[in-house]
Amino acid sequence: MSPVERIDPGPRLCEATIHGDRIHCSGMIPEDLSADITGQVKQALGEIDSLLAKGGSDKTKILSAVIWLSDIDDFAAMNAVWDAWVVPGHTPARATVQARLSDPRMKVEIMVVAAR
């Protein structure tokens, strides 16, 4: 059995875990919570790009994604950013739901699983 690698471990969670040929990323959130939905989604996707690179992967290898929106009315705006970010022909399985996020200013959280 292959060992579990951890990227940026902390006392409560790590940014990602790697086991075998898969990287499981924690939910990525925006740093600037004053940004609108477009800005927050761009930030979260940028965090995903960086994290996947640390784990030896990239967005073309994302297998699945879960997106939590604080307001489902932001679905179209989120999709506009997402559609510009994903690589045609390499779109993952995806679910999007509305949820109460940990900070009321937060509009989005995105979690992905990718191959390495």
PDB file of N, CA and C in Angstrom:
ATOM      1  N   MET A   1       0.846  -1.178   0.000  1.00  0.00           N
ATOM      2  CA  MET A   1       0.000   0.000   0.000  1.00  0.00           C
ATOM      3  C   MET A   1       0.889   1.238   0.000  1.00  0.00           C
ATOM      4  N   SER A   2       0.527   2.221  -0.800  1.00  0.00           N
ATOM      5  CA  SER A   2       1.328   3.436  -0.893  1.00  0.00           C
ATOM      6  C   SER A   2       1.074   4.344   0.311  1.00  0.00           C
ATOM      7  N   PRO A   3       2.092   5.104   0.712  1.00  0.00           N
ATOM      8  CA  PRO A   3       1.925   6.002   1.858  1.00  0.00           C
ATOM      9  C   PRO A   3       1.034   7.192   1.506  1.00  0.00           C
ATOM     10  N   VAL A   4       0.520   7.845   2.525  1.00  0.00           N
ATOM     11  CA  VAL A   4      -0.266   9.062   2.345  1.00  0.00           C
ATOM     12  C   VAL A   4       0.675  10.246   2.475  1.00  0.00           C
ATOM     13  N   GLU A   5       0.683  11.101   1.470  1.00  0.00           N
ATOM     14  CA  GLU A   5       1.456  12.344   1.528  1.00  0.00           C
ATOM     15  C   GLU A   5       0.492  13.465   1.882  1.00  0.00           C
ATOM     16  N   ARG A   6       0.991  14.465   2.617  1.00  0.00           N
ATOM     17  CA  ARG A   6       0.157  15.597   3.005  1.00  0.00           C
ATOM     18  C   ARG A   6       0.818  16.893   2.547  1.00  0.00           C
ATOM     19  N   ILE A   7       0.033  17.752   1.925  1.00  0.00           N
ATOM     20  CA  ILE A   7       0.525  19.053   1.477  1.00  0.00           C
ATOM     21  C   ILE A   7       0.046  20.112   2.464  1.00  0.00           C
ATOM     22  N   ASP A   8       0.979  20.878   2.997  1.00  0.00           N
ATOM     23  CA  ASP A   8       0.694  21.965   3.930  1.00  0.00           C
ATOM     24  C   ASP A   8      -0.203  21.518   5.087  1.00  0.00           C
ATOM     25  N   PRO A   9       0.264  20.513   5.864  1.00  0.00           N
ATOM     26  CA  PRO A   9      -0.555  20.062   6.988  1.00  0.00           C
ATOM     27  C   PRO A   9      -0.600  21.092   8.107  1.00  0.00           C
ATOM     28  N   GLY A  10      -1.745  21.163   8.743  1.00  0.00           N
ATOM     29  CA  GLY A  10      -1.936  22.038   9.892  1.00  0.00           C
ATOM     30  C   GLY A  10      -2.539  21.233  11.023  1.00  0.00           C
ATOM     31  N   PRO A  11      -2.853  21.864  12.140  1.00  0.00           N
ATOM     32  CA  PRO A  11      -3.386  21.131  13.284  1.00  0.00           C
ATOM     33  C   PRO A  11      -4.795  20.566  13.056  1.00  0.00           C
ATOM     34  N   ARG A  12      -5.577  21.187  12.178  1.00  0.00           N
ATOM     35  CA  ARG A  12      -6.951  20.740  11.946  1.00  0.00           C
ATOM     36  C   ARG A  12      -7.116  20.015  10.618  1.00  0.00           C
ATOM     37  N   LEU A  13      -6.375  20.465   9.597  1.00  0.00           N
ATOM     38  CA  LEU A  13      -6.510  19.873   8.265  1.00  0.00           C
ATOM     39  C   LEU A  13      -5.258  20.170   7.472  1.00  0.00           C
ATOM     40  N   CYS A  14      -5.138  19.521   6.333  1.00  0.00           N
ATOM     41  CA  CYS A  14      -4.053  19.862   5.413  1.00  0.00           C
ATOM     42  C   CYS A  14      -4.707  20.333   4.117  1.00  0.00           C
ATOM     43  N   GLU A  15      -3.933  21.039   3.319  1.00  0.00           N
ATOM     44  CA  GLU A  15      -4.480  21.575   2.079  1.00  0.00           C
ATOM     45  C   GLU A  15      -4.855  20.464   1.101  1.00  0.00           C
ATOM     46  N   ALA A  16      -4.096  19.369   1.134  1.00  0.00           N
ATOM     47  CA  ALA A  16      -4.399  18.237   0.255  1.00  0.00           C
ATOM     48  C   ALA A  16      -3.729  16.981   0.793  1.00  0.00           C
ATOM     49  N   THR A  17      -4.316  15.844   0.434  1.00  0.00           N
ATOM     50  CA  THR A  17      -3.686  14.563   0.711  1.00  0.00           C
ATOM     51  C   THR A  17      -3.509  13.841  -0.611  1.00  0.00           C
ATOM     52  N   ILE A  18      -2.412  13.119  -0.695  1.00  0.00           N
ATOM     53  CA  ILE A  18      -2.116  12.354  -1.907  1.00  0.00           C
ATOM     54  C   ILE A  18      -1.993  10.895  -1.518  1.00  0.00           C
ATOM     55  N   HIS A  19      -2.706  10.054  -2.227  1.00  0.00           N
ATOM     56  CA  HIS A  19      -2.619   8.615  -2.014  1.00  0.00           C
ATOM     57  C   HIS A  19      -2.649   7.950  -3.381  1.00  0.00           C
ATOM     58  N   GLY A  20      -1.632   7.192  -3.652  1.00  0.00           N
ATOM     59  CA  GLY A  20      -1.556   6.556  -4.962  1.00  0.00           C
ATOM     60  C   GLY A  20      -1.483   7.612  -6.047  1.00  0.00           C
ATOM     61  N   ASP A  21      -2.375   7.501  -6.997  1.00  0.00           N
ATOM     62  CA  ASP A  21      -2.353   8.427  -8.132  1.00  0.00           C
ATOM     63  C   ASP A  21      -3.414   9.519  -8.026  1.00  0.00           C
ATOM     64  N   ARG A  22      -3.905   9.782  -6.796  1.00  0.00           N
ATOM     65  CA  ARG A  22      -4.958  10.780  -6.610  1.00  0.00           C
ATOM     66  C   ARG A  22      -4.542  11.842  -5.598  1.00  0.00           C
ATOM     67  N   ILE A  23      -4.946  13.060  -5.881  1.00  0.00           N
ATOM     68  CA  ILE A  23      -4.761  14.168  -4.953  1.00  0.00           C
ATOM     69  C   ILE A  23      -6.141  14.682  -4.558  1.00  0.00           C
ATOM     70  N   HIS A  24      -6.399  14.690  -3.262  1.00  0.00           N
ATOM     71  CA  HIS A  24      -7.673  15.138  -2.706  1.00  0.00           C
ATOM     72  C   HIS A  24      -7.434  16.489  -2.060  1.00  0.00           C
ATOM     73  N   CYS A  25      -8.019  17.523  -2.629  1.00  0.00           N
ATOM     74  CA  CYS A  25      -7.810  18.883  -2.134  1.00  0.00           C
ATOM     75  C   CYS A  25      -8.907  19.265  -1.144  1.00  0.00           C
ATOM     76  N   SER A  26      -8.516  20.010  -0.125  1.00  0.00           N
ATOM     77  CA  SER A  26      -9.502  20.600   0.780  1.00  0.00           C
ATOM     78  C   SER A  26     -10.289  21.651   0.011  1.00  0.00           C
ATOM     79  N   GLY A  27     -11.384  22.097   0.579  1.00  0.00           N
ATOM     80  CA  GLY A  27     -12.153  23.166  -0.054  1.00  0.00           C
ATOM     81  C   GLY A  27     -11.326  24.436  -0.134  1.00  0.00           C
ATOM     82  N   MET A  28     -11.218  24.987  -1.320  1.00  0.00           N
ATOM     83  CA  MET A  28     -10.452  26.220  -1.534  1.00  0.00           C
ATOM     84  C   MET A  28     -11.409  27.400  -1.494  1.00  0.00           C
ATOM     85  N   ILE A  29     -10.977  28.419  -0.780  1.00  0.00           N
ATOM     86  CA  ILE A  29     -11.798  29.609  -0.578  1.00  0.00           C
ATOM     87  C   ILE A  29     -11.025  30.852  -1.005  1.00  0.00           C
ATOM     88  N   PRO A  30     -11.730  31.945  -1.257  1.00  0.00           N
ATOM     89  CA  PRO A  30     -11.052  33.187  -1.637  1.00  0.00           C
ATOM     90  C   PRO A  30     -10.375  33.822  -0.428  1.00  0.00           C
ATOM     91  N   GLU A  31      -9.309  34.560  -0.696  1.00  0.00           N
ATOM     92  CA  GLU A  31      -8.622  35.313   0.367  1.00  0.00           C
ATOM     93  C   GLU A  31      -9.317  36.651   0.605  1.00  0.00           C
ATOM     94  N   ASP A  32      -9.731  37.307  -0.479  1.00  0.00           N
ATOM     95  CA  ASP A  32     -10.358  38.627  -0.382  1.00  0.00           C
ATOM     96  C   ASP A  32     -11.873  38.456  -0.387  1.00  0.00           C
ATOM     97  N   LEU A  33     -12.454  38.476   0.798  1.00  0.00           N
ATOM     98  CA  LEU A  33     -13.892  38.243   0.913  1.00  0.00           C
ATOM     99  C   LEU A  33     -14.721  39.470   0.552  1.00  0.00           C
ATOM    100  N   SER A  34     -14.057  40.581   0.237  1.00  0.00           N
ATOM    101  CA  SER A  34     -14.807  41.761  -0.202  1.00  0.00           C
ATOM    102  C   SER A  34     -15.098  41.713  -1.705  1.00  0.00           C
ATOM    103  N   ALA A  35     -14.474  40.768  -2.416  1.00  0.00           N
ATOM    104  CA  ALA A  35     -14.678  40.641  -3.870  1.00  0.00           C
ATOM    105  C   ALA A  35     -16.075  40.115  -4.172  1.00  0.00           C
ATOM    106  N   ASP A  36     -16.551  40.417  -5.377  1.00  0.00           N
ATOM    107  CA  ASP A  36     -17.834  39.876  -5.824  1.00  0.00           C
ATOM    108  C   ASP A  36     -17.664  38.398  -6.180  1.00  0.00           C
ATOM    109  N   ILE A  37     -18.740  37.759  -6.603  1.00  0.00           N
ATOM    110  CA  ILE A  37     -18.688  36.317  -6.897  1.00  0.00           C
ATOM    111  C   ILE A  37     -17.640  36.015  -7.960  1.00  0.00           C
ATOM    112  N   THR A  38     -17.532  36.841  -8.985  1.00  0.00           N
ATOM    113  CA  THR A  38     -16.536  36.613 -10.036  1.00  0.00           C
ATOM    114  C   THR A  38     -15.125  36.614  -9.451  1.00  0.00           C
ATOM    115  N   GLY A  39     -14.825  37.608  -8.655  1.00  0.00           N
ATOM    116  CA  GLY A  39     -13.508  37.708  -8.043  1.00  0.00           C
ATOM    117  C   GLY A  39     -13.228  36.575  -7.076  1.00  0.00           C
ATOM    118  N   GLN A  40     -14.240  36.189  -6.303  1.00  0.00           N
ATOM    119  CA  GLN A  40     -14.042  35.102  -5.339  1.00  0.00           C
ATOM    120  C   GLN A  40     -13.826  33.763  -6.039  1.00  0.00           C
ATOM    121  N   VAL A  41     -14.564  33.502  -7.106  1.00  0.00           N
ATOM    122  CA  VAL A  41     -14.371  32.249  -7.843  1.00  0.00           C
ATOM    123  C   VAL A  41     -12.984  32.220  -8.483  1.00  0.00           C
ATOM    124  N   LYS A  42     -12.569  33.335  -9.072  1.00  0.00           N
ATOM    125  CA  LYS A  42     -11.224  33.397  -9.666  1.00  0.00           C
ATOM    126  C   LYS A  42     -10.148  33.114  -8.623  1.00  0.00           C
ATOM    127  N   GLN A  43     -10.312  33.667  -7.433  1.00  0.00           N
ATOM    128  CA  GLN A  43      -9.338  33.423  -6.368  1.00  0.00           C
ATOM    129  C   GLN A  43      -9.302  31.946  -5.966  1.00  0.00           C
ATOM    130  N   ALA A  44     -10.469  31.351  -5.769  1.00  0.00           N
ATOM    131  CA  ALA A  44     -10.520  29.945  -5.360  1.00  0.00           C
ATOM    132  C   ALA A  44      -9.906  29.047  -6.435  1.00  0.00           C
ATOM    133  N   LEU A  45     -10.196  29.329  -7.691  1.00  0.00           N
ATOM    134  CA  LEU A  45      -9.618  28.527  -8.780  1.00  0.00           C
ATOM    135  C   LEU A  45      -8.104  28.720  -8.871  1.00  0.00           C
ATOM    136  N   GLY A  46      -7.634  29.922  -8.595  1.00  0.00           N
ATOM    137  CA  GLY A  46      -6.195  30.167  -8.553  1.00  0.00           C
ATOM    138  C   GLY A  46      -5.529  29.356  -7.448  1.00  0.00           C
ATOM    139  N   GLU A  47      -6.199  29.251  -6.297  1.00  0.00           N
ATOM    140  CA  GLU A  47      -5.685  28.429  -5.197  1.00  0.00           C
ATOM    141  C   GLU A  47      -5.635  26.961  -5.614  1.00  0.00           C
ATOM    142  N   ILE A  48      -6.641  26.520  -6.341  1.00  0.00           N
ATOM    143  CA  ILE A  48      -6.657  25.135  -6.828  1.00  0.00           C
ATOM    144  C   ILE A  48      -5.498  24.901  -7.787  1.00  0.00           C
ATOM    145  N   ASP A  49      -5.275  25.822  -8.714  1.00  0.00           N
ATOM    146  CA  ASP A  49      -4.141  25.698  -9.642  1.00  0.00           C
ATOM    147  C   ASP A  49      -2.829  25.528  -8.872  1.00  0.00           C
ATOM    148  N   SER A  50      -2.608  26.380  -7.868  1.00  0.00           N
ATOM    149  CA  SER A  50      -1.371  26.330  -7.086  1.00  0.00           C
ATOM    150  C   SER A  50      -1.244  25.028  -6.313  1.00  0.00           C
ATOM    151  N   LEU A  51      -2.323  24.602  -5.694  1.00  0.00           N
ATOM    152  CA  LEU A  51      -2.300  23.382  -4.899  1.00  0.00           C
ATOM    153  C   LEU A  51      -2.058  22.155  -5.768  1.00  0.00           C
ATOM    154  N   LEU A  52      -2.726  22.089  -6.906  1.00  0.00           N
ATOM    155  CA  LEU A  52      -2.512  20.953  -7.807  1.00  0.00           C
ATOM    156  C   LEU A  52      -1.067  20.910  -8.290  1.00  0.00           C
ATOM    157  N   ALA A  53      -0.487  22.063  -8.577  1.00  0.00           N
ATOM    158  CA  ALA A  53       0.913  22.115  -9.006  1.00  0.00           C
ATOM    159  C   ALA A  53       1.826  21.578  -7.910  1.00  0.00           C
ATOM    160  N   LYS A  54       1.558  21.927  -6.656  1.00  0.00           N
ATOM    161  CA  LYS A  54       2.355  21.404  -5.537  1.00  0.00           C
ATOM    162  C   LYS A  54       2.278  19.883  -5.468  1.00  0.00           C
ATOM    163  N   GLY A  55       1.142  19.328  -5.851  1.00  0.00           N
ATOM    164  CA  GLY A  55       0.940  17.880  -5.797  1.00  0.00           C
ATOM    165  C   GLY A  55       1.308  17.155  -7.078  1.00  0.00           C
ATOM    166  N   GLY A  56       1.857  17.878  -8.050  1.00  0.00           N
ATOM    167  CA  GLY A  56       2.268  17.242  -9.294  1.00  0.00           C
ATOM    168  C   GLY A  56       1.127  16.985 -10.258  1.00  0.00           C
ATOM    169  N   SER A  57       0.120  17.843 -10.233  1.00  0.00           N
ATOM    170  CA  SER A  57      -1.037  17.682 -11.106  1.00  0.00           C
ATOM    171  C   SER A  57      -1.399  19.042 -11.700  1.00  0.00           C
ATOM    172  N   ASP A  58      -2.511  19.084 -12.427  1.00  0.00           N
ATOM    173  CA  ASP A  58      -3.029  20.343 -12.960  1.00  0.00           C
ATOM    174  C   ASP A  58      -4.512  20.174 -13.268  1.00  0.00           C
ATOM    175  N   LYS A  59      -5.153  21.269 -13.666  1.00  0.00           N
ATOM    176  CA  LYS A  59      -6.610  21.258 -13.847  1.00  0.00           C
ATOM    177  C   LYS A  59      -7.096  20.319 -14.944  1.00  0.00           C
ATOM    178  N   THR A  60      -6.226  19.915 -15.865  1.00  0.00           N
ATOM    179  CA  THR A  60      -6.656  18.969 -16.901  1.00  0.00           C
ATOM    180  C   THR A  60      -6.842  17.565 -16.334  1.00  0.00           C
ATOM    181  N   LYS A  61      -6.382  17.337 -15.110  1.00  0.00           N
ATOM    182  CA  LYS A  61      -6.466  16.012 -14.485  1.00  0.00           C
ATOM    183  C   LYS A  61      -7.500  15.955 -13.369  1.00  0.00           C
ATOM    184  N   ILE A  62      -8.317  17.020 -13.244  1.00  0.00           N
ATOM    185  CA  ILE A  62      -9.357  16.997 -12.210  1.00  0.00           C
ATOM    186  C   ILE A  62     -10.407  15.955 -12.581  1.00  0.00           C
ATOM    187  N   LEU A  63     -10.686  15.079 -11.619  1.00  0.00           N
ATOM    188  CA  LEU A  63     -11.670  14.013 -11.817  1.00  0.00           C
ATOM    189  C   LEU A  63     -13.064  14.454 -11.384  1.00  0.00           C
ATOM    190  N   SER A  64     -13.126  15.174 -10.265  1.00  0.00           N
ATOM    191  CA  SER A  64     -14.425  15.626  -9.761  1.00  0.00           C
ATOM    192  C   SER A  64     -14.261  16.928  -8.999  1.00  0.00           C
ATOM    193  N   ALA A  65     -15.349  17.673  -8.946  1.00  0.00           N
ATOM    194  CA  ALA A  65     -15.365  18.945  -8.227  1.00  0.00           C
ATOM    195  C   ALA A  65     -16.719  19.102  -7.531  1.00  0.00           C
ATOM    196  N   VAL A  66     -16.663  19.696  -6.348  1.00  0.00           N
ATOM    197  CA  VAL A  66     -17.877  20.084  -5.632  1.00  0.00           C
ATOM    198  C   VAL A  66     -17.753  21.576  -5.372  1.00  0.00           C
ATOM    199  N   ILE A  67     -18.803  22.315  -5.721  1.00  0.00           N
ATOM    200  CA  ILE A  67     -18.816  23.758  -5.547  1.00  0.00           C
ATOM    201  C   ILE A  67     -19.980  24.112  -4.628  1.00  0.00           C
ATOM    202  N   TRP A  68     -19.649  24.849  -3.573  1.00  0.00           N
ATOM    203  CA  TRP A  68     -20.660  25.346  -2.657  1.00  0.00           C
ATOM    204  C   TRP A  68     -20.789  26.845  -2.881  1.00  0.00           C
ATOM    205  N   LEU A  69     -22.010  27.295  -3.115  1.00  0.00           N
ATOM    206  CA  LEU A  69     -22.310  28.717  -3.277  1.00  0.00           C
ATOM    207  C   LEU A  69     -23.173  29.163  -2.104  1.00  0.00           C
ATOM    208  N   SER A  70     -22.870  30.327  -1.555  1.00  0.00           N
ATOM    209  CA  SER A  70     -23.719  30.838  -0.472  1.00  0.00           C
ATOM    210  C   SER A  70     -25.079  31.276  -1.010  1.00  0.00           C
ATOM    211  N   ASP A  71     -25.119  31.607  -2.301  1.00  0.00           N
ATOM    212  CA  ASP A  71     -26.366  32.039  -2.936  1.00  0.00           C
ATOM    213  C   ASP A  71     -26.445  31.408  -4.325  1.00  0.00           C
ATOM    214  N   ILE A  72     -27.398  30.521  -4.529  1.00  0.00           N
ATOM    215  CA  ILE A  72     -27.506  29.811  -5.803  1.00  0.00           C
ATOM    216  C   ILE A  72     -27.802  30.776  -6.954  1.00  0.00           C
ATOM    217  N   ASP A  73     -28.242  31.984  -6.646  1.00  0.00           N
ATOM    218  CA  ASP A  73     -28.447  32.993  -7.694  1.00  0.00           C
ATOM    219  C   ASP A  73     -27.122  33.398  -8.347  1.00  0.00           C
ATOM    220  N   ASP A  74     -25.990  33.047  -7.724  1.00  0.00           N
ATOM    221  CA  ASP A  74     -24.665  33.321  -8.297  1.00  0.00           C
ATOM    222  C   ASP A  74     -24.207  32.219  -9.261  1.00  0.00           C
ATOM    223  N   PHE A  75     -25.078  31.236  -9.512  1.00  0.00           N
ATOM    224  CA  PHE A  75     -24.716  30.082 -10.337  1.00  0.00           C
ATOM    225  C   PHE A  75     -24.216  30.489 -11.729  1.00  0.00           C
ATOM    226  N   ALA A  76     -24.912  31.378 -12.412  1.00  0.00           N
ATOM    227  CA  ALA A  76     -24.519  31.777 -13.768  1.00  0.00           C
ATOM    228  C   ALA A  76     -23.180  32.519 -13.759  1.00  0.00           C
ATOM    229  N   ALA A  77     -22.992  33.423 -12.802  1.00  0.00           N
ATOM    230  CA  ALA A  77     -21.732  34.164 -12.721  1.00  0.00           C
ATOM    231  C   ALA A  77     -20.573  33.219 -12.397  1.00  0.00           C
ATOM    232  N   MET A  78     -20.795  32.261 -11.487  1.00  0.00           N
ATOM    233  CA  MET A  78     -19.767  31.269 -11.163  1.00  0.00           C
ATOM    234  C   MET A  78     -19.436  30.449 -12.403  1.00  0.00           C
ATOM    235  N   ASN A  79     -20.453  30.003 -13.129  1.00  0.00           N
ATOM    236  CA  ASN A  79     -20.227  29.199 -14.332  1.00  0.00           C
ATOM    237  C   ASN A  79     -19.443  29.964 -15.393  1.00  0.00           C
ATOM    238  N   ALA A  80     -19.649  31.259 -15.505  1.00  0.00           N
ATOM    239  CA  ALA A  80     -18.909  32.056 -16.493  1.00  0.00           C
ATOM    240  C   ALA A  80     -17.413  32.003 -16.199  1.00  0.00           C
ATOM    241  N   VAL A  81     -17.041  32.115 -14.926  1.00  0.00           N
ATOM    242  CA  VAL A  81     -15.630  32.035 -14.543  1.00  0.00           C
ATOM    243  C   VAL A  81     -15.120  30.604 -14.718  1.00  0.00           C
ATOM    244  N   TRP A  82     -15.893  29.643 -14.260  1.00  0.00           N
ATOM    245  CA  TRP A  82     -15.520  28.228 -14.377  1.00  0.00           C
ATOM    246  C   TRP A  82     -15.291  27.849 -15.837  1.00  0.00           C
ATOM    247  N   ASP A  83     -16.225  28.232 -16.712  1.00  0.00           N
ATOM    248  CA  ASP A  83     -16.125  27.868 -18.125  1.00  0.00           C
ATOM    249  C   ASP A  83     -14.881  28.450 -18.788  1.00  0.00           C
ATOM    250  N   ALA A  84     -14.465  29.637 -18.361  1.00  0.00           N
ATOM    251  CA  ALA A  84     -13.247  30.247 -18.902  1.00  0.00           C
ATOM    252  C   ALA A  84     -11.991  29.572 -18.347  1.00  0.00           C
ATOM    253  N   TRP A  85     -12.106  28.924 -17.179  1.00  0.00           N
ATOM    254  CA  TRP A  85     -10.959  28.306 -16.504  1.00  0.00           C
ATOM    255  C   TRP A  85     -10.705  26.869 -16.949  1.00  0.00           C
ATOM    256  N   VAL A  86     -11.767  26.072 -17.090  1.00  0.00           N
ATOM    257  CA  VAL A  86     -11.570  24.659 -17.444  1.00  0.00           C
ATOM    258  C   VAL A  86     -11.059  24.545 -18.875  1.00  0.00           C
ATOM    259  N   VAL A  87     -10.361  23.449 -19.121  1.00  0.00           N
ATOM    260  CA  VAL A  87      -9.808  23.193 -20.438  1.00  0.00           C
ATOM    261  C   VAL A  87     -10.820  22.357 -21.223  1.00  0.00           C
ATOM    262  N   PRO A  88     -11.259  22.822 -22.398  1.00  0.00           N
ATOM    263  CA  PRO A  88     -12.217  22.042 -23.183  1.00  0.00           C
ATOM    264  C   PRO A  88     -11.713  20.606 -23.387  1.00  0.00           C
ATOM    265  N   GLY A  89     -12.624  19.674 -23.214  1.00  0.00           N
ATOM    266  CA  GLY A  89     -12.271  18.267 -23.351  1.00  0.00           C
ATOM    267  C   GLY A  89     -11.716  17.653 -22.077  1.00  0.00           C
ATOM    268  N   HIS A  90     -11.513  18.475 -21.027  1.00  0.00           N
ATOM    269  CA  HIS A  90     -10.969  17.983 -19.760  1.00  0.00           C
ATOM    270  C   HIS A  90     -11.854  18.407 -18.588  1.00  0.00           C
ATOM    271  N   THR A  91     -13.148  18.543 -18.822  1.00  0.00           N
ATOM    272  CA  THR A  91     -14.051  18.944 -17.751  1.00  0.00           C
ATOM    273  C   THR A  91     -14.313  17.765 -16.824  1.00  0.00           C
ATOM    274  N   PRO A  92     -14.361  18.033 -15.511  1.00  0.00           N
ATOM    275  CA  PRO A  92     -14.583  16.958 -14.545  1.00  0.00           C
ATOM    276  C   PRO A  92     -16.065  16.720 -14.278  1.00  0.00           C
ATOM    277  N   ALA A  93     -16.337  15.635 -13.585  1.00  0.00           N
ATOM    278  CA  ALA A  93     -17.665  15.459 -12.996  1.00  0.00           C
ATOM    279  C   ALA A  93     -17.799  16.567 -11.956  1.00  0.00           C
ATOM    280  N   ARG A  94     -19.014  17.128 -11.797  1.00  0.00           N
ATOM    281  CA  ARG A  94     -19.143  18.282 -10.914  1.00  0.00           C
ATOM    282  C   ARG A  94     -20.526  18.347 -10.300  1.00  0.00           C
ATOM    283  N   ALA A  95     -20.572  18.821  -9.056  1.00  0.00           N
ATOM    284  CA  ALA A  95     -21.838  19.118  -8.384  1.00  0.00           C
ATOM    285  C   ALA A  95     -21.741  20.525  -7.821  1.00  0.00           C
ATOM    286  N   THR A  96     -22.858  21.244  -7.844  1.00  0.00           N
ATOM    287  CA  THR A  96     -22.912  22.587  -7.276  1.00  0.00           C
ATOM    288  C   THR A  96     -24.158  22.675  -6.408  1.00  0.00           C
ATOM    289  N   VAL A  97     -23.977  23.158  -5.180  1.00  0.00           N
ATOM    290  CA  VAL A  97     -25.098  23.290  -4.255  1.00  0.00           C
ATOM    291  C   VAL A  97     -25.009  24.614  -3.518  1.00  0.00           C
ATOM    292  N   GLN A  98     -26.133  25.035  -2.982  1.00  0.00           N
ATOM    293  CA  GLN A  98     -26.153  26.208  -2.117  1.00  0.00           C
ATOM    294  C   GLN A  98     -25.916  25.737  -0.691  1.00  0.00           C
ATOM    295  N   ALA A  99     -25.093  26.480   0.056  1.00  0.00           N
ATOM    296  CA  ALA A  99     -24.798  26.112   1.441  1.00  0.00           C
ATOM    297  C   ALA A  99     -24.447  27.356   2.246  1.00  0.00           C
ATOM    298  N   ARG A 100     -24.657  27.279   3.541  1.00  0.00           N
ATOM    299  CA  ARG A 100     -24.193  28.355   4.420  1.00  0.00           C
ATOM    300  C   ARG A 100     -22.708  28.101   4.662  1.00  0.00           C
ATOM    301  N   LEU A 101     -21.865  29.028   4.255  1.00  0.00           N
ATOM    302  CA  LEU A 101     -20.422  28.870   4.381  1.00  0.00           C
ATOM    303  C   LEU A 101     -19.948  29.427   5.724  1.00  0.00           C
ATOM    304  N   SER A 102     -18.704  29.144   6.081  1.00  0.00           N
ATOM    305  CA  SER A 102     -18.200  29.452   7.422  1.00  0.00           C
ATOM    306  C   SER A 102     -18.105  30.944   7.740  1.00  0.00           C
ATOM    307  N   ASP A 103     -18.044  31.782   6.732  1.00  0.00           N
ATOM    308  CA  ASP A 103     -18.003  33.233   6.924  1.00  0.00           C
ATOM    309  C   ASP A 103     -19.103  33.825   6.036  1.00  0.00           C
ATOM    310  N   PRO A 104     -19.975  34.647   6.568  1.00  0.00           N
ATOM    311  CA  PRO A 104     -21.081  35.173   5.762  1.00  0.00           C
ATOM    312  C   PRO A 104     -20.644  36.008   4.559  1.00  0.00           C
ATOM    313  N   ARG A 105     -19.399  36.480   4.552  1.00  0.00           N
ATOM    314  CA  ARG A 105     -18.889  37.247   3.405  1.00  0.00           C
ATOM    315  C   ARG A 105     -18.397  36.330   2.286  1.00  0.00           C
ATOM    316  N   MET A 106     -18.201  35.054   2.598  1.00  0.00           N
ATOM    317  CA  MET A 106     -17.698  34.089   1.618  1.00  0.00           C
ATOM    318  C   MET A 106     -18.832  33.679   0.680  1.00  0.00           C
ATOM    319  N   LYS A 107     -18.558  33.728  -0.615  1.00  0.00           N
ATOM    320  CA  LYS A 107     -19.572  33.410  -1.615  1.00  0.00           C
ATOM    321  C   LYS A 107     -19.381  32.038  -2.242  1.00  0.00           C
ATOM    322  N   VAL A 108     -18.165  31.436  -2.113  1.00  0.00           N
ATOM    323  CA  VAL A 108     -17.891  30.178  -2.804  1.00  0.00           C
ATOM    324  C   VAL A 108     -16.801  29.391  -2.078  1.00  0.00           C
ATOM    325  N   GLU A 109     -16.912  28.081  -2.169  1.00  0.00           N
ATOM    326  CA  GLU A 109     -15.855  27.153  -1.747  1.00  0.00           C
ATOM    327  C   GLU A 109     -15.855  26.029  -2.782  1.00  0.00           C
ATOM    328  N   ILE A 110     -14.650  25.622  -3.190  1.00  0.00           N
ATOM    329  CA  ILE A 110     -14.537  24.602  -4.243  1.00  0.00           C
ATOM    330  C   ILE A 110     -13.561  23.526  -3.800  1.00  0.00           C
ATOM    331  N   MET A 111     -13.973  22.269  -3.911  1.00  0.00           N
ATOM    332  CA  MET A 111     -13.123  21.135  -3.558  1.00  0.00           C
ATOM    333  C   MET A 111     -12.991  20.234  -4.784  1.00  0.00           C
ATOM    334  N   VAL A 112     -11.764  19.775  -5.054  1.00  0.00           N
ATOM    335  CA  VAL A 112     -11.535  18.907  -6.207  1.00  0.00           C
ATOM    336  C   VAL A 112     -10.729  17.667  -5.820  1.00  0.00           C
ATOM    337  N   VAL A 113     -10.881  16.649  -6.632  1.00  0.00           N
ATOM    338  CA  VAL A 113     -10.041  15.453  -6.602  1.00  0.00           C
ATOM    339  C   VAL A 113      -9.448  15.338  -7.993  1.00  0.00           C
ATOM    340  N   ALA A 114      -8.139  15.116  -8.052  1.00  0.00           N
ATOM    341  CA  ALA A 114      -7.466  15.040  -9.350  1.00  0.00           C
ATOM    342  C   ALA A 114      -6.526  13.844  -9.404  1.00  0.00           C
ATOM    343  N   ALA A 115      -6.250  13.401 -10.611  1.00  0.00           N
ATOM    344  CA  ALA A 115      -5.213  12.396 -10.846  1.00  0.00           C
ATOM    345  C   ALA A 115      -3.881  13.106 -10.856  1.00  0.00           C
ATOM    346  N   ARG A 116      -2.811  12.354 -10.619  1.00  0.00           N
ATOM    347  CA  ARG A 116      -1.462  12.947 -10.677  1.00  0.00           C
ATOM    348  C   ARG A 116      -0.815  12.619 -11.984  1.00  0.00           C
TER     349      ARG A 116
END
